[in-house]
Amino acid sequence: MSRICAICGKKPLTGNRIVRHGLAKYKGGIGLHTTAVTPRLFTPNLHRVRAVVDGKSCTIYACAACIKAGRVAKPSRAKTAKAAE
């Protein structure tokens, strides 16, 4: 499964997980010190949804932001109910 949104093209991004130890200066310590930097992956919140693409109903992977914004055209239930009969 490709981790790319079919609507907006959102894909995984790389970043770092930074570990800091110590007590902050304003709390009376000597300040925070970085003790570890580990690479990590920020992945988009993808969902498998049924959508209308080129007039046909198919399954795509769309991110939650596109679903909430209404960019995903869902198939009408009336057509699917008639097709089942």
PDB file of N, CA and C in Angstrom:
ATOM      1  N   MET A   1       0.840  -1.175   0.000  1.00  0.00           N
ATOM      2  CA  MET A   1       0.000   0.000   0.000  1.00  0.00           C
ATOM      3  C   MET A   1       0.885   1.239   0.000  1.00  0.00           C
ATOM      4  N   SER A   2       0.644   2.107  -0.953  1.00  0.00           N
ATOM      5  CA  SER A   2       1.370   3.357  -1.013  1.00  0.00           C
ATOM      6  C   SER A   2       0.821   4.303   0.048  1.00  0.00           C
ATOM      7  N   ARG A   3       1.711   4.979   0.766  1.00  0.00           N
ATOM      8  CA  ARG A   3       1.273   5.880   1.835  1.00  0.00           C
ATOM      9  C   ARG A   3       1.114   7.307   1.307  1.00  0.00           C
ATOM     10  N   ILE A   4       0.409   7.461   0.174  1.00  0.00           N
ATOM     11  CA  ILE A   4       0.196   8.764  -0.437  1.00  0.00           C
ATOM     12  C   ILE A   4      -1.296   8.997  -0.603  1.00  0.00           C
ATOM     13  N   CYS A   5      -1.765  10.188  -0.231  1.00  0.00           N
ATOM     14  CA  CYS A   5      -3.177  10.543  -0.383  1.00  0.00           C
ATOM     15  C   CYS A   5      -3.481  10.696  -1.870  1.00  0.00           C
ATOM     16  N   ALA A   6      -4.571  10.070  -2.335  1.00  0.00           N
ATOM     17  CA  ALA A   6      -4.947  10.122  -3.740  1.00  0.00           C
ATOM     18  C   ALA A   6      -5.500  11.489  -4.127  1.00  0.00           C
ATOM     19  N   ILE A   7      -5.913  12.296  -3.174  1.00  0.00           N
ATOM     20  CA  ILE A   7      -6.518  13.596  -3.469  1.00  0.00           C
ATOM     21  C   ILE A   7      -5.468  14.712  -3.477  1.00  0.00           C
ATOM     22  N   CYS A   8      -4.753  14.875  -2.368  1.00  0.00           N
ATOM     23  CA  CYS A   8      -3.828  16.012  -2.245  1.00  0.00           C
ATOM     24  C   CYS A   8      -2.362  15.632  -2.432  1.00  0.00           C
ATOM     25  N   GLY A   9      -2.049  14.341  -2.421  1.00  0.00           N
ATOM     26  CA  GLY A   9      -0.668  13.909  -2.615  1.00  0.00           C
ATOM     27  C   GLY A   9       0.188  13.967  -1.360  1.00  0.00           C
ATOM     28  N   LYS A  10      -0.459  14.085  -0.200  1.00  0.00           N
ATOM     29  CA  LYS A  10       0.285  14.127   1.066  1.00  0.00           C
ATOM     30  C   LYS A  10       1.020  12.801   1.245  1.00  0.00           C
ATOM     31  N   LYS A  11       2.294  12.860   1.649  1.00  0.00           N
ATOM     32  CA  LYS A  11       3.100  11.647   1.785  1.00  0.00           C
ATOM     33  C   LYS A  11       3.960  11.738   3.030  1.00  0.00           C
ATOM     34  N   PRO A  12       4.632  10.653   3.409  1.00  0.00           N
ATOM     35  CA  PRO A  12       5.455  10.675   4.618  1.00  0.00           C
ATOM     36  C   PRO A  12       6.593  11.693   4.525  1.00  0.00           C
ATOM     37  N   LEU A  13       6.868  12.334   5.663  1.00  0.00           N
ATOM     38  CA  LEU A  13       7.971  13.286   5.766  1.00  0.00           C
ATOM     39  C   LEU A  13       8.928  12.811   6.853  1.00  0.00           C
ATOM     40  N   THR A  14      10.198  13.141   6.688  1.00  0.00           N
ATOM     41  CA  THR A  14      11.175  12.734   7.687  1.00  0.00           C
ATOM     42  C   THR A  14      11.424  13.870   8.666  1.00  0.00           C
ATOM     43  N   GLY A  15      11.817  13.503   9.855  1.00  0.00           N
ATOM     44  CA  GLY A  15      12.116  14.481  10.892  1.00  0.00           C
ATOM     45  C   GLY A  15      12.966  13.826  11.965  1.00  0.00           C
ATOM     46  N   ASN A  16      13.053  14.470  13.106  1.00  0.00           N
ATOM     47  CA  ASN A  16      13.858  13.949  14.194  1.00  0.00           C
ATOM     48  C   ASN A  16      13.042  13.860  15.472  1.00  0.00           C
ATOM     49  N   ARG A  17      13.360  12.850  16.276  1.00  0.00           N
ATOM     50  CA  ARG A  17      12.830  12.738  17.630  1.00  0.00           C
ATOM     51  C   ARG A  17      13.947  13.202  18.537  1.00  0.00           C
ATOM     52  N   ILE A  18      13.702  14.304  19.240  1.00  0.00           N
ATOM     53  CA  ILE A  18      14.746  14.919  20.065  1.00  0.00           C
ATOM     54  C   ILE A  18      14.443  14.657  21.539  1.00  0.00           C
ATOM     55  N   VAL A  19      15.405  14.059  22.248  1.00  0.00           N
ATOM     56  CA  VAL A  19      15.273  13.772  23.675  1.00  0.00           C
ATOM     57  C   VAL A  19      16.047  14.830  24.440  1.00  0.00           C
ATOM     58  N   ARG A  20      15.366  15.504  25.374  1.00  0.00           N
ATOM     59  CA  ARG A  20      16.020  16.532  26.181  1.00  0.00           C
ATOM     60  C   ARG A  20      15.907  16.165  27.652  1.00  0.00           C
ATOM     61  N   HIS A  21      16.997  16.294  28.392  1.00  0.00           N
ATOM     62  CA  HIS A  21      17.014  16.035  29.823  1.00  0.00           C
ATOM     63  C   HIS A  21      17.516  17.264  30.558  1.00  0.00           C
ATOM     64  N   GLY A  22      17.162  17.346  31.814  1.00  0.00           N
ATOM     65  CA  GLY A  22      17.613  18.450  32.646  1.00  0.00           C
ATOM     66  C   GLY A  22      16.443  19.300  33.091  1.00  0.00           C
ATOM     67  N   LEU A  23      16.702  20.171  34.036  1.00  0.00           N
ATOM     68  CA  LEU A  23      15.690  21.068  34.569  1.00  0.00           C
ATOM     69  C   LEU A  23      15.857  22.439  33.927  1.00  0.00           C
ATOM     70  N   ALA A  24      14.743  23.028  33.502  1.00  0.00           N
ATOM     71  CA  ALA A  24      14.789  24.329  32.837  1.00  0.00           C
ATOM     72  C   ALA A  24      15.415  25.377  33.746  1.00  0.00           C
ATOM     73  N   LYS A  25      16.051  26.375  33.125  1.00  0.00           N
ATOM     74  CA  LYS A  25      16.731  27.423  33.898  1.00  0.00           C
ATOM     75  C   LYS A  25      15.757  28.197  34.778  1.00  0.00           C
ATOM     76  N   TYR A  26      14.557  28.477  34.241  1.00  0.00           N
ATOM     77  CA  TYR A  26      13.603  29.265  35.034  1.00  0.00           C
ATOM     78  C   TYR A  26      13.068  28.498  36.238  1.00  0.00           C
ATOM     79  N   LYS A  27      13.311  27.182  36.250  1.00  0.00           N
ATOM     80  CA  LYS A  27      12.908  26.367  37.407  1.00  0.00           C
ATOM     81  C   LYS A  27      14.074  26.134  38.363  1.00  0.00           C
ATOM     82  N   GLY A  28      15.216  26.730  38.067  1.00  0.00           N
ATOM     83  CA  GLY A  28      16.356  26.601  38.968  1.00  0.00           C
ATOM     84  C   GLY A  28      17.424  25.639  38.506  1.00  0.00           C
ATOM     85  N   GLY A  29      17.260  25.056  37.330  1.00  0.00           N
ATOM     86  CA  GLY A  29      18.257  24.110  36.832  1.00  0.00           C
ATOM     87  C   GLY A  29      19.304  24.801  35.978  1.00  0.00           C
ATOM     88  N   ILE A  30      20.101  23.979  35.285  1.00  0.00           N
ATOM     89  CA  ILE A  30      21.142  24.542  34.420  1.00  0.00           C
ATOM     90  C   ILE A  30      20.712  24.545  32.949  1.00  0.00           C
ATOM     91  N   GLY A  31      19.477  24.169  32.691  1.00  0.00           N
ATOM     92  CA  GLY A  31      18.951  24.201  31.324  1.00  0.00           C
ATOM     93  C   GLY A  31      18.785  22.811  30.736  1.00  0.00           C
ATOM     94  N   LEU A  32      17.983  22.733  29.669  1.00  0.00           N
ATOM     95  CA  LEU A  32      17.751  21.459  29.001  1.00  0.00           C
ATOM     96  C   LEU A  32      18.923  21.122  28.092  1.00  0.00           C
ATOM     97  N   HIS A  33      19.284  19.855  28.052  1.00  0.00           N
ATOM     98  CA  HIS A  33      20.362  19.389  27.197  1.00  0.00           C
ATOM     99  C   HIS A  33      19.836  18.300  26.278  1.00  0.00           C
ATOM    100  N   THR A  34      20.199  18.393  25.009  1.00  0.00           N
ATOM    101  CA  THR A  34      19.819  17.374  24.043  1.00  0.00           C
ATOM    102  C   THR A  34      20.715  16.160  24.252  1.00  0.00           C
ATOM    103  N   THR A  35      20.094  15.000  24.485  1.00  0.00           N
ATOM    104  CA  THR A  35      20.884  13.795  24.738  1.00  0.00           C
ATOM    105  C   THR A  35      20.769  12.776  23.618  1.00  0.00           C
ATOM    106  N   ALA A  36      19.757  12.913  22.754  1.00  0.00           N
ATOM    107  CA  ALA A  36      19.614  11.958  21.652  1.00  0.00           C
ATOM    108  C   ALA A  36      18.798  12.587  20.532  1.00  0.00           C
ATOM    109  N   VAL A  37      19.226  12.328  19.308  1.00  0.00           N
ATOM    110  CA  VAL A  37      18.481  12.747  18.120  1.00  0.00           C
ATOM    111  C   VAL A  37      18.319  11.508  17.258  1.00  0.00           C
ATOM    112  N   THR A  38      17.084  11.058  17.088  1.00  0.00           N
ATOM    113  CA  THR A  38      16.793   9.847  16.334  1.00  0.00           C
ATOM    114  C   THR A  38      15.906  10.178  15.144  1.00  0.00           C
ATOM    115  N   PRO A  39      16.248   9.718  13.949  1.00  0.00           N
ATOM    116  CA  PRO A  39      15.381   9.993  12.808  1.00  0.00           C
ATOM    117  C   PRO A  39      14.041   9.274  12.945  1.00  0.00           C
ATOM    118  N   ARG A  40      12.989   9.914  12.465  1.00  0.00           N
ATOM    119  CA  ARG A  40      11.664   9.310  12.515  1.00  0.00           C
ATOM    120  C   ARG A  40      10.888   9.706  11.267  1.00  0.00           C
ATOM    121  N   LEU A  41       9.697   9.128  11.113  1.00  0.00           N
ATOM    122  CA  LEU A  41       8.863   9.346   9.938  1.00  0.00           C
ATOM    123  C   LEU A  41       7.510   9.883  10.377  1.00  0.00           C
ATOM    124  N   PHE A  42       7.088  10.995   9.789  1.00  0.00           N
ATOM    125  CA  PHE A  42       5.758  11.544  10.027  1.00  0.00           C
ATOM    126  C   PHE A  42       4.872  11.059   8.885  1.00  0.00           C
ATOM    127  N   THR A  43       3.902  10.184   9.193  1.00  0.00           N
ATOM    128  CA  THR A  43       3.050   9.618   8.153  1.00  0.00           C
ATOM    129  C   THR A  43       1.687  10.293   8.146  1.00  0.00           C
ATOM    130  N   PRO A  44       1.058  10.454   6.970  1.00  0.00           N
ATOM    131  CA  PRO A  44      -0.262  11.063   6.908  1.00  0.00           C
ATOM    132  C   PRO A  44      -1.320  10.112   7.455  1.00  0.00           C
ATOM    133  N   ASN A  45      -2.425  10.678   7.928  1.00  0.00           N
ATOM    134  CA  ASN A  45      -3.523   9.903   8.501  1.00  0.00           C
ATOM    135  C   ASN A  45      -4.432   9.431   7.360  1.00  0.00           C
ATOM    136  N   LEU A  46      -4.069   8.299   6.745  1.00  0.00           N
ATOM    137  CA  LEU A  46      -4.798   7.805   5.572  1.00  0.00           C
ATOM    138  C   LEU A  46      -5.916   6.847   5.953  1.00  0.00           C
ATOM    139  N   HIS A  47      -7.019   6.928   5.196  1.00  0.00           N
ATOM    140  CA  HIS A  47      -8.152   6.036   5.372  1.00  0.00           C
ATOM    141  C   HIS A  47      -8.544   5.481   4.019  1.00  0.00           C
ATOM    142  N   ARG A  48      -8.999   4.243   4.014  1.00  0.00           N
ATOM    143  CA  ARG A  48      -9.492   3.631   2.780  1.00  0.00           C
ATOM    144  C   ARG A  48     -10.962   3.979   2.651  1.00  0.00           C
ATOM    145  N   VAL A  49     -11.324   4.705   1.605  1.00  0.00           N
ATOM    146  CA  VAL A  49     -12.707   5.143   1.415  1.00  0.00           C
ATOM    147  C   VAL A  49     -13.164   4.819   0.001  1.00  0.00           C
ATOM    148  N   ARG A  50     -14.481   4.641  -0.121  1.00  0.00           N
ATOM    149  CA  ARG A  50     -15.070   4.462  -1.439  1.00  0.00           C
ATOM    150  C   ARG A  50     -15.388   5.846  -1.978  1.00  0.00           C
ATOM    151  N   ALA A  51     -14.966   6.119  -3.217  1.00  0.00           N
ATOM    152  CA  ALA A  51     -15.158   7.444  -3.805  1.00  0.00           C
ATOM    153  C   ALA A  51     -15.485   7.304  -5.281  1.00  0.00           C
ATOM    154  N   VAL A  52     -16.061   8.359  -5.831  1.00  0.00           N
ATOM    155  CA  VAL A  52     -16.367   8.396  -7.261  1.00  0.00           C
ATOM    156  C   VAL A  52     -15.182   9.013  -7.981  1.00  0.00           C
ATOM    157  N   VAL A  53     -14.543   8.224  -8.862  1.00  0.00           N
ATOM    158  CA  VAL A  53     -13.407   8.684  -9.646  1.00  0.00           C
ATOM    159  C   VAL A  53     -13.723   8.416 -11.113  1.00  0.00           C
ATOM    160  N   ASP A  54     -13.744   9.466 -11.930  1.00  0.00           N
ATOM    161  CA  ASP A  54     -14.082   9.368 -13.359  1.00  0.00           C
ATOM    162  C   ASP A  54     -15.442   8.712 -13.572  1.00  0.00           C
ATOM    163  N   GLY A  55     -16.398   9.004 -12.707  1.00  0.00           N
ATOM    164  CA  GLY A  55     -17.755   8.481 -12.848  1.00  0.00           C
ATOM    165  C   GLY A  55     -17.954   7.068 -12.338  1.00  0.00           C
ATOM    166  N   LYS A  56     -16.908   6.445 -11.821  1.00  0.00           N
ATOM    167  CA  LYS A  56     -17.012   5.077 -11.314  1.00  0.00           C
ATOM    168  C   LYS A  56     -16.695   5.057  -9.826  1.00  0.00           C
ATOM    169  N   SER A  57     -17.308   4.151  -9.112  1.00  0.00           N
ATOM    170  CA  SER A  57     -17.071   4.007  -7.687  1.00  0.00           C
ATOM    171  C   SER A  57     -15.890   3.067  -7.481  1.00  0.00           C
ATOM    172  N   CYS A  58     -14.883   3.537  -6.758  1.00  0.00           N
ATOM    173  CA  CYS A  58     -13.715   2.710  -6.482  1.00  0.00           C
ATOM    174  C   CYS A  58     -13.173   3.056  -5.100  1.00  0.00           C
ATOM    175  N   THR A  59     -12.251   2.242  -4.623  1.00  0.00           N
ATOM    176  CA  THR A  59     -11.643   2.443  -3.320  1.00  0.00           C
ATOM    177  C   THR A  59     -10.328   3.198  -3.490  1.00  0.00           C
ATOM    178  N   ILE A  60     -10.170   4.264  -2.706  1.00  0.00           N
ATOM    179  CA  ILE A  60      -8.938   5.045  -2.736  1.00  0.00           C
ATOM    180  C   ILE A  60      -8.458   5.260  -1.301  1.00  0.00           C
ATOM    181  N   TYR A  61      -7.217   5.694  -1.166  1.00  0.00           N
ATOM    182  CA  TYR A  61      -6.678   6.083   0.133  1.00  0.00           C
ATOM    183  C   TYR A  61      -6.644   7.604   0.177  1.00  0.00           C
ATOM    184  N   ALA A  62      -7.378   8.183   1.127  1.00  0.00           N
ATOM    185  CA  ALA A  62      -7.445   9.635   1.273  1.00  0.00           C
ATOM    186  C   ALA A  62      -7.095  10.011   2.703  1.00  0.00           C
ATOM    187  N   CYS A  63      -6.451  11.155   2.871  1.00  0.00           N
ATOM    188  CA  CYS A  63      -6.090  11.596   4.214  1.00  0.00           C
ATOM    189  C   CYS A  63      -7.324  12.168   4.907  1.00  0.00           C
ATOM    190  N   ALA A  64      -7.272  12.199   6.229  1.00  0.00           N
ATOM    191  CA  ALA A  64      -8.399  12.668   7.026  1.00  0.00           C
ATOM    192  C   ALA A  64      -8.728  14.120   6.718  1.00  0.00           C
ATOM    193  N   ALA A  65      -7.721  14.931   6.420  1.00  0.00           N
ATOM    194  CA  ALA A  65      -7.957  16.342   6.118  1.00  0.00           C
ATOM    195  C   ALA A  65      -8.805  16.503   4.859  1.00  0.00           C
ATOM    196  N   CYS A  66      -8.560  15.686   3.828  1.00  0.00           N
ATOM    197  CA  CYS A  66      -9.347  15.757   2.591  1.00  0.00           C
ATOM    198  C   CYS A  66     -10.777  15.260   2.818  1.00  0.00           C
ATOM    199  N   ILE A  67     -10.942  14.234   3.627  1.00  0.00           N
ATOM    200  CA  ILE A  67     -12.283  13.707   3.915  1.00  0.00           C
ATOM    201  C   ILE A  67     -13.084  14.758   4.673  1.00  0.00           C
ATOM    202  N   LYS A  68     -12.474  15.399   5.689  1.00  0.00           N
ATOM    203  CA  LYS A  68     -13.167  16.400   6.489  1.00  0.00           C
ATOM    204  C   LYS A  68     -13.492  17.647   5.670  1.00  0.00           C
ATOM    205  N   ALA A  69     -12.634  17.992   4.710  1.00  0.00           N
ATOM    206  CA  ALA A  69     -12.847  19.189   3.897  1.00  0.00           C
ATOM    207  C   ALA A  69     -13.873  18.956   2.796  1.00  0.00           C
ATOM    208  N   GLY A  70     -14.299  17.701   2.589  1.00  0.00           N
ATOM    209  CA  GLY A  70     -15.298  17.400   1.571  1.00  0.00           C
ATOM    210  C   GLY A  70     -14.729  17.259   0.174  1.00  0.00           C
ATOM    211  N   ARG A  71     -13.443  17.007   0.051  1.00  0.00           N
ATOM    212  CA  ARG A  71     -12.821  16.855  -1.266  1.00  0.00           C
ATOM    213  C   ARG A  71     -13.043  15.465  -1.861  1.00  0.00           C
ATOM    214  N   VAL A  72     -13.541  14.530  -1.051  1.00  0.00           N
ATOM    215  CA  VAL A  72     -13.786  13.166  -1.517  1.00  0.00           C
ATOM    216  C   VAL A  72     -15.256  13.047  -1.886  1.00  0.00           C
ATOM    217  N   ALA A  73     -15.527  12.737  -3.152  1.00  0.00           N
ATOM    218  CA  ALA A  73     -16.911  12.578  -3.618  1.00  0.00           C
ATOM    219  C   ALA A  73     -17.348  11.148  -3.335  1.00  0.00           C
ATOM    220  N   LYS A  74     -18.242  10.995  -2.383  1.00  0.00           N
ATOM    221  CA  LYS A  74     -18.720   9.661  -2.019  1.00  0.00           C
ATOM    222  C   LYS A  74     -19.776   9.201  -3.030  1.00  0.00           C
ATOM    223  N   PRO A  75     -19.857   7.880  -3.308  1.00  0.00           N
ATOM    224  CA  PRO A  75     -20.901   7.386  -4.213  1.00  0.00           C
ATOM    225  C   PRO A  75     -22.265   7.500  -3.555  1.00  0.00           C
ATOM    226  N   SER A  76     -23.280   7.736  -4.386  1.00  0.00           N
ATOM    227  CA  SER A  76     -24.623   7.900  -3.824  1.00  0.00           C
ATOM    228  C   SER A  76     -25.166   6.547  -3.390  1.00  0.00           C
ATOM    229  N   ARG A  77     -25.887   6.525  -2.268  1.00  0.00           N
ATOM    230  CA  ARG A  77     -26.412   5.272  -1.726  1.00  0.00           C
ATOM    231  C   ARG A  77     -27.603   4.773  -2.538  1.00  0.00           C
ATOM    232  N   ALA A  78     -28.328   5.669  -3.174  1.00  0.00           N
ATOM    233  CA  ALA A  78     -29.514   5.269  -3.934  1.00  0.00           C
ATOM    234  C   ALA A  78     -29.128   4.351  -5.083  1.00  0.00           C
ATOM    235  N   LYS A  79     -28.044   4.668  -5.776  1.00  0.00           N
ATOM    236  CA  LYS A  79     -27.607   3.835  -6.899  1.00  0.00           C
ATOM    237  C   LYS A  79     -27.144   2.467  -6.433  1.00  0.00           C
ATOM    238  N   THR A  80     -26.413   2.414  -5.310  1.00  0.00           N
ATOM    239  CA  THR A  80     -25.913   1.135  -4.843  1.00  0.00           C
ATOM    240  C   THR A  80     -27.056   0.261  -4.320  1.00  0.00           C
ATOM    241  N   ALA A  81     -28.103   0.878  -3.745  1.00  0.00           N
ATOM    242  CA  ALA A  81     -29.243   0.108  -3.253  1.00  0.00           C
ATOM    243  C   ALA A  81     -30.020  -0.494  -4.410  1.00  0.00           C
ATOM    244  N   LYS A  82     -30.165   0.259  -5.500  1.00  0.00           N
ATOM    245  CA  LYS A  82     -30.889  -0.247  -6.676  1.00  0.00           C
ATOM    246  C   LYS A  82     -30.093  -1.356  -7.357  1.00  0.00           C
ATOM    247  N   ALA A  83     -28.777  -1.205  -7.387  1.00  0.00           N
ATOM    248  CA  ALA A  83     -27.941  -2.206  -8.036  1.00  0.00           C
ATOM    249  C   ALA A  83     -27.974  -3.536  -7.292  1.00  0.00           C
ATOM    250  N   ALA A  84     -28.193  -3.477  -5.974  1.00  0.00           N
ATOM    251  CA  ALA A  84     -28.218  -4.700  -5.170  1.00  0.00           C
ATOM    252  C   ALA A  84     -29.512  -5.498  -5.395  1.00  0.00           C
ATOM    253  N   GLU A  85     -30.573  -4.804  -5.819  1.00  0.00           N
ATOM    254  CA  GLU A  85     -31.859  -5.495  -6.026  1.00  0.00           C
ATOM    255  C   GLU A  85     -31.929  -6.286  -7.278  1.00  0.00           C
TER     256      GLU A  85
END
